[in-house]
């Protein structure tokens, strides 16, 4: 059974740019819309503005950690 998503937006939060670029590239090859943030504050701003369908979240971030983001 195939699933059809109304929206395929992913918020990807990773502070290591090299790892982030690799994973983002793979997700985009699978036709996902990928929004990226490299710190916790930027992640929250994008989350509230864009309302992504999925968040891939690094727990060890600057400014605001991944667990703090989850609590908010």
Protein backbone atom coordinates (compact mmCIF):
# COMPACT_ATOMS: atom_id res chain seq x y z
CA UNK A 1 0.00 0.00 0.00
CA UNK A 2 1.38 3.40 -0.96
CA UNK A 3 0.91 6.41 1.27
CA UNK A 4 0.38 9.87 -0.15
CA UNK A 5 1.33 12.78 2.05
CA UNK A 6 -0.36 16.16 1.73
CA UNK A 7 2.90 17.77 2.71
CA UNK A 8 6.40 16.43 2.89
CA UNK A 9 8.20 19.10 4.89
CA UNK A 10 11.03 18.12 7.24
CA UNK A 11 12.77 20.38 9.70
CA UNK A 12 16.30 19.07 10.04
CA UNK A 13 18.29 20.43 12.99
CA UNK A 14 22.03 19.69 12.99
CA UNK A 15 24.94 21.87 14.09
CA UNK A 16 27.58 19.95 12.12
CA UNK A 17 27.33 21.42 8.62
CA UNK A 18 29.13 18.52 6.91
CA UNK A 19 26.76 15.93 8.35
CA UNK A 20 23.81 18.25 7.75
CA UNK A 21 24.61 18.71 4.08
CA UNK A 22 24.95 14.97 3.51
CA UNK A 23 21.65 14.09 5.18
CA UNK A 24 19.82 17.04 3.63
CA UNK A 25 21.01 15.94 0.19
CA UNK A 26 19.70 12.42 0.70
CA UNK A 27 16.32 13.68 1.89
CA UNK A 28 15.99 16.05 -1.07
CA UNK A 29 16.81 13.19 -3.45
CA UNK A 30 13.71 11.49 -2.03
CA UNK A 31 11.69 14.63 -2.88
CA UNK A 32 11.24 15.93 0.65
CA UNK A 33 11.14 19.65 1.32
CA UNK A 34 13.95 20.18 3.82
CA UNK A 35 14.28 23.20 6.09
CA UNK A 36 17.47 23.37 8.12
CA UNK A 37 18.55 25.00 11.35
CA UNK A 38 21.96 24.79 12.98
CA UNK A 39 20.95 25.77 16.53
CA UNK A 40 18.01 25.44 18.88
CA UNK A 41 16.73 28.99 18.58
CA UNK A 42 16.64 28.80 14.80
CA UNK A 43 14.89 25.45 14.99
CA UNK A 44 12.08 26.84 17.15
CA UNK A 45 11.61 29.82 14.86
CA UNK A 46 11.30 27.58 11.81
CA UNK A 47 9.04 25.14 13.64
CA UNK A 48 6.48 27.79 14.56
CA UNK A 49 6.70 29.57 11.20
CA UNK A 50 6.63 26.59 8.83
CA UNK A 51 4.86 23.83 10.83
CA UNK A 52 6.84 20.90 9.38
CA UNK A 53 5.47 17.37 9.22
CA UNK A 54 8.58 15.83 10.77
CA UNK A 55 11.54 17.06 12.80
CA UNK A 56 14.94 15.37 12.75
CA UNK A 57 16.60 16.83 15.82
CA UNK A 58 20.17 16.72 17.08
CA UNK A 59 20.13 16.66 20.88
CA UNK A 60 23.50 18.37 21.39
CA UNK A 61 22.96 21.91 20.06
CA UNK A 62 24.17 25.39 20.91
CA UNK A 63 21.94 28.13 22.38
CA UNK A 64 19.09 25.74 23.15
CA UNK A 65 19.54 21.97 23.42
CA UNK A 66 17.46 19.35 21.67
CA UNK A 67 15.75 18.19 24.88
CA UNK A 68 14.78 21.80 25.64
CA UNK A 69 13.28 22.10 22.16
CA UNK A 70 11.24 18.93 22.75
CA UNK A 71 9.86 20.36 26.00
CA UNK A 72 8.69 23.52 24.21
